[in-house]
Amino acid sequence: MTLDQWVKAACAELGIAPTDASVSLVLNLARDVAHNTVRPAAPVTAYLLGLAVGRGANPHEAAAALTALAMAQGDTAAGQNDETAGER
């Protein structure tokens, strides 16, 4: 099964129009979260995005805010690694 086939099947199961599924938005968010925080945060963040959108949030604005949060975590971790590199 391809991703497109899965999305169509999942949307049909949930009664959602496939055109409402922002696959690239969610995949990009999950990638940024997984690479800048801990990997298990990616699916949890995707779920949280879904909750926020279900409660009326703009999906693009909410994803941008979550991406910025994740990227800040990555910047913090990189800064910590730079600081401790000299201690080795």
N, C-alpha and C. Protein backbone atom coordinates (compact mmCIF):
# COMPACT_ATOMS: atom_id res chain seq x y z
N MET A 1 0.85 -1.19 0.00
CA MET A 1 0.00 0.00 0.00
C MET A 1 0.89 1.24 0.00
N THR A 2 0.57 2.18 -0.83
CA THR A 2 1.32 3.43 -0.88
C THR A 2 0.78 4.41 0.18
N LEU A 3 1.54 5.47 0.38
CA LEU A 3 1.09 6.51 1.31
C LEU A 3 -0.23 7.11 0.85
N ASP A 4 -0.34 7.41 -0.43
CA ASP A 4 -1.59 7.99 -0.95
C ASP A 4 -2.77 7.04 -0.74
N GLN A 5 -2.55 5.76 -0.99
CA GLN A 5 -3.62 4.78 -0.77
C GLN A 5 -4.00 4.72 0.70
N TRP A 6 -3.00 4.74 1.58
CA TRP A 6 -3.28 4.71 3.02
C TRP A 6 -4.08 5.94 3.44
N VAL A 7 -3.65 7.11 2.99
CA VAL A 7 -4.35 8.34 3.36
C VAL A 7 -5.79 8.30 2.90
N LYS A 8 -6.02 7.86 1.68
CA LYS A 8 -7.40 7.76 1.17
C LYS A 8 -8.22 6.78 1.99
N ALA A 9 -7.63 5.63 2.34
CA ALA A 9 -8.35 4.64 3.14
C ALA A 9 -8.63 5.16 4.55
N ALA A 10 -7.63 5.79 5.16
CA ALA A 10 -7.80 6.33 6.51
C ALA A 10 -8.84 7.45 6.52
N CYS A 11 -8.79 8.32 5.51
CA CYS A 11 -9.78 9.39 5.41
C CYS A 11 -11.19 8.83 5.25
N ALA A 12 -11.32 7.81 4.42
CA ALA A 12 -12.64 7.19 4.24
C ALA A 12 -13.13 6.59 5.55
N GLU A 13 -12.24 5.96 6.28
CA GLU A 13 -12.62 5.35 7.57
C GLU A 13 -13.08 6.40 8.57
N LEU A 14 -12.44 7.58 8.53
CA LEU A 14 -12.75 8.64 9.49
C LEU A 14 -13.77 9.65 8.99
N GLY A 15 -14.20 9.50 7.74
CA GLY A 15 -15.16 10.44 7.19
C GLY A 15 -14.56 11.80 6.89
N ILE A 16 -13.31 11.80 6.47
CA ILE A 16 -12.60 13.04 6.15
C ILE A 16 -12.34 13.06 4.65
N ALA A 17 -12.47 14.21 4.03
CA ALA A 17 -12.15 14.34 2.62
C ALA A 17 -10.63 14.27 2.46
N PRO A 18 -10.12 13.44 1.56
CA PRO A 18 -8.68 13.36 1.35
C PRO A 18 -8.04 14.71 1.03
N THR A 19 -8.79 15.60 0.43
CA THR A 19 -8.25 16.94 0.14
C THR A 19 -7.99 17.75 1.41
N ASP A 20 -8.61 17.34 2.53
CA ASP A 20 -8.39 18.02 3.80
C ASP A 20 -7.16 17.50 4.53
N ALA A 21 -6.57 16.42 4.04
CA ALA A 21 -5.40 15.83 4.67
C ALA A 21 -4.14 16.52 4.15
N SER A 22 -3.51 17.28 4.99
CA SER A 22 -2.29 18.02 4.62
C SER A 22 -1.08 17.13 4.88
N VAL A 23 -0.90 16.15 4.01
CA VAL A 23 0.14 15.15 4.22
C VAL A 23 1.53 15.77 4.30
N SER A 24 1.88 16.61 3.36
CA SER A 24 3.23 17.19 3.38
C SER A 24 3.44 18.08 4.60
N LEU A 25 2.42 18.77 5.04
CA LEU A 25 2.51 19.61 6.23
C LEU A 25 2.85 18.75 7.45
N VAL A 26 2.15 17.64 7.60
CA VAL A 26 2.37 16.75 8.75
C VAL A 26 3.73 16.06 8.65
N LEU A 27 4.09 15.60 7.45
CA LEU A 27 5.38 14.93 7.30
C LEU A 27 6.55 15.88 7.58
N ASN A 28 6.45 17.10 7.10
CA ASN A 28 7.51 18.08 7.36
C ASN A 28 7.61 18.40 8.84
N LEU A 29 6.48 18.56 9.49
CA LEU A 29 6.48 18.80 10.93
C LEU A 29 7.10 17.63 11.67
N ALA A 30 6.67 16.42 11.34
CA ALA A 30 7.20 15.22 12.01
C ALA A 30 8.72 15.11 11.81
N ARG A 31 9.19 15.39 10.61
CA ARG A 31 10.64 15.36 10.34
C ARG A 31 11.39 16.35 11.22
N ASP A 32 10.89 17.59 11.27
CA ASP A 32 11.57 18.62 12.05
C ASP A 32 11.57 18.30 13.54
N VAL A 33 10.47 17.77 14.02
CA VAL A 33 10.39 17.40 15.44
C VAL A 33 11.32 16.23 15.73
N ALA A 34 11.28 15.20 14.89
CA ALA A 34 12.12 14.01 15.11
C ALA A 34 13.60 14.35 15.09
N HIS A 35 14.00 15.30 14.24
CA HIS A 35 15.42 15.63 14.11
C HIS A 35 15.91 16.61 15.16
N ASN A 36 14.99 17.30 15.82
CA ASN A 36 15.41 18.34 16.77
C ASN A 36 15.01 18.08 18.21
N THR A 37 14.22 17.05 18.43
CA THR A 37 13.86 16.66 19.79
C THR A 37 14.13 15.17 19.90
N VAL A 38 13.22 14.42 20.47
CA VAL A 38 13.34 12.97 20.51
C VAL A 38 12.36 12.39 19.51
N ARG A 39 12.75 11.29 18.86
CA ARG A 39 11.93 10.72 17.78
C ARG A 39 10.48 10.45 18.20
N PRO A 40 10.22 9.91 19.39
CA PRO A 40 8.81 9.65 19.75
C PRO A 40 7.95 10.91 19.81
N ALA A 41 8.58 12.07 19.85
CA ALA A 41 7.81 13.32 19.87
C ALA A 41 7.13 13.59 18.53
N ALA A 42 7.64 12.99 17.44
CA ALA A 42 7.09 13.27 16.11
C ALA A 42 5.63 12.84 15.98
N PRO A 43 5.28 11.57 16.26
CA PRO A 43 3.86 11.22 16.13
C PRO A 43 2.98 11.90 17.17
N VAL A 44 3.52 12.13 18.35
CA VAL A 44 2.74 12.81 19.39
C VAL A 44 2.45 14.24 18.95
N THR A 45 3.44 14.89 18.37
CA THR A 45 3.25 16.26 17.89
C THR A 45 2.24 16.32 16.75
N ALA A 46 2.30 15.32 15.86
CA ALA A 46 1.31 15.26 14.77
C ALA A 46 -0.10 15.12 15.35
N TYR A 47 -0.22 14.32 16.37
CA TYR A 47 -1.53 14.15 17.03
C TYR A 47 -1.96 15.48 17.67
N LEU A 48 -1.04 16.14 18.35
CA LEU A 48 -1.37 17.43 18.98
C LEU A 48 -1.78 18.47 17.94
N LEU A 49 -1.10 18.46 16.79
CA LEU A 49 -1.51 19.35 15.70
C LEU A 49 -2.94 19.05 15.30
N GLY A 50 -3.26 17.77 15.16
CA GLY A 50 -4.62 17.38 14.80
C GLY A 50 -5.64 17.85 15.83
N LEU A 51 -5.30 17.73 17.11
CA LEU A 51 -6.21 18.22 18.15
C LEU A 51 -6.42 19.73 18.02
N ALA A 52 -5.33 20.44 17.82
CA ALA A 52 -5.43 21.90 17.70
C ALA A 52 -6.28 22.30 16.49
N VAL A 53 -6.05 21.63 15.37
CA VAL A 53 -6.81 21.94 14.16
C VAL A 53 -8.28 21.58 14.37
N GLY A 54 -8.53 20.47 15.03
CA GLY A 54 -9.90 20.07 15.32
C GLY A 54 -10.63 21.07 16.21
N ARG A 55 -9.85 21.82 16.98
CA ARG A 55 -10.43 22.83 17.86
C ARG A 55 -10.42 24.22 17.23
N GLY A 56 -10.07 24.26 15.92
CA GLY A 56 -10.20 25.52 15.20
C GLY A 56 -8.91 26.22 14.82
N ALA A 57 -7.76 25.69 15.21
CA ALA A 57 -6.50 26.35 14.86
C ALA A 57 -6.25 26.24 13.36
N ASN A 58 -5.58 27.23 12.82
CA ASN A 58 -5.16 27.19 11.43
C ASN A 58 -4.02 26.18 11.33
N PRO A 59 -4.14 25.17 10.46
CA PRO A 59 -3.12 24.12 10.42
C PRO A 59 -1.73 24.64 10.06
N HIS A 60 -1.64 25.59 9.16
CA HIS A 60 -0.33 26.11 8.76
C HIS A 60 0.31 26.93 9.88
N GLU A 61 -0.49 27.73 10.57
CA GLU A 61 0.04 28.53 11.67
C GLU A 61 0.45 27.64 12.84
N ALA A 62 -0.38 26.65 13.15
CA ALA A 62 -0.06 25.74 14.26
C ALA A 62 1.19 24.92 13.94
N ALA A 63 1.30 24.43 12.72
CA ALA A 63 2.49 23.66 12.32
C ALA A 63 3.73 24.54 12.36
N ALA A 64 3.61 25.78 11.92
CA ALA A 64 4.76 26.69 11.95
C ALA A 64 5.21 26.95 13.39
N ALA A 65 4.26 27.12 14.30
CA ALA A 65 4.60 27.35 15.70
C ALA A 65 5.29 26.13 16.30
N LEU A 66 4.78 24.94 15.98
CA LEU A 66 5.39 23.71 16.50
C LEU A 66 6.76 23.46 15.88
N THR A 67 6.91 23.78 14.61
CA THR A 67 8.21 23.64 13.96
C THR A 67 9.22 24.58 14.60
N ALA A 68 8.82 25.82 14.85
CA ALA A 68 9.71 26.78 15.50
C ALA A 68 10.11 26.29 16.89
N LEU A 69 9.17 25.73 17.62
CA LEU A 69 9.47 25.19 18.94
C LEU A 69 10.48 24.06 18.84
N ALA A 70 10.29 23.16 17.89
CA ALA A 70 11.21 22.03 17.71
C ALA A 70 12.59 22.52 17.28
N MET A 71 12.63 23.47 16.36
CA MET A 71 13.91 23.98 15.89
C MET A 71 14.67 24.67 17.01
N ALA A 72 13.96 25.34 17.89
CA ALA A 72 14.60 25.98 19.04
C ALA A 72 15.21 24.93 19.96
N GLN A 73 14.55 23.79 20.08
CA GLN A 73 15.11 22.71 20.89
C GLN A 73 16.39 22.18 20.26
N GLY A 74 16.39 22.07 18.94
CA GLY A 74 17.58 21.62 18.23
C GLY A 74 18.72 22.61 18.39
N ASP A 75 18.40 23.91 18.33
CA ASP A 75 19.42 24.94 18.52
C ASP A 75 19.99 24.88 19.93
N THR A 76 19.13 24.63 20.92
CA THR A 76 19.57 24.52 22.30
C THR A 76 20.50 23.32 22.48
N ALA A 77 20.11 22.19 21.90
CA ALA A 77 20.93 20.98 22.01
C ALA A 77 22.27 21.19 21.32
N ALA A 78 22.28 21.84 20.17
CA ALA A 78 23.53 22.09 19.45
C ALA A 78 24.43 23.01 20.27
N GLY A 79 23.84 24.00 20.90
CA GLY A 79 24.61 24.90 21.74
C GLY A 79 25.22 24.19 22.93
N GLN A 80 24.47 23.27 23.52
CA GLN A 80 24.98 22.49 24.64
C GLN A 80 26.13 21.60 24.19
N ASN A 81 25.99 21.00 23.01
CA ASN A 81 27.06 20.15 22.49
C ASN A 81 28.31 20.97 22.23
N ASP A 82 28.16 22.19 21.71
CA ASP A 82 29.31 23.05 21.47
C ASP A 82 30.01 23.41 22.77
N GLU A 83 29.21 23.68 23.81
CA GLU A 83 29.77 24.08 25.10
C GLU A 83 30.51 22.93 25.76
N THR A 84 29.99 21.71 25.63
CA THR A 84 30.61 20.57 26.30
C THR A 84 31.72 19.95 25.46
N ALA A 85 31.86 20.32 24.20
CA ALA A 85 32.89 19.74 23.34
C ALA A 85 34.29 20.03 23.88
N GLY A 86 34.48 21.19 24.42
CA GLY A 86 35.78 21.55 24.97
C GLY A 86 36.13 20.84 26.25
N GLU A 87 35.12 20.24 26.90
CA GLU A 87 35.34 19.55 28.17
C GLU A 87 35.82 18.12 27.98
N ARG A 88 35.76 17.62 26.74
CA ARG A 88 36.13 16.22 26.50
C ARG A 88 37.60 16.01 26.48
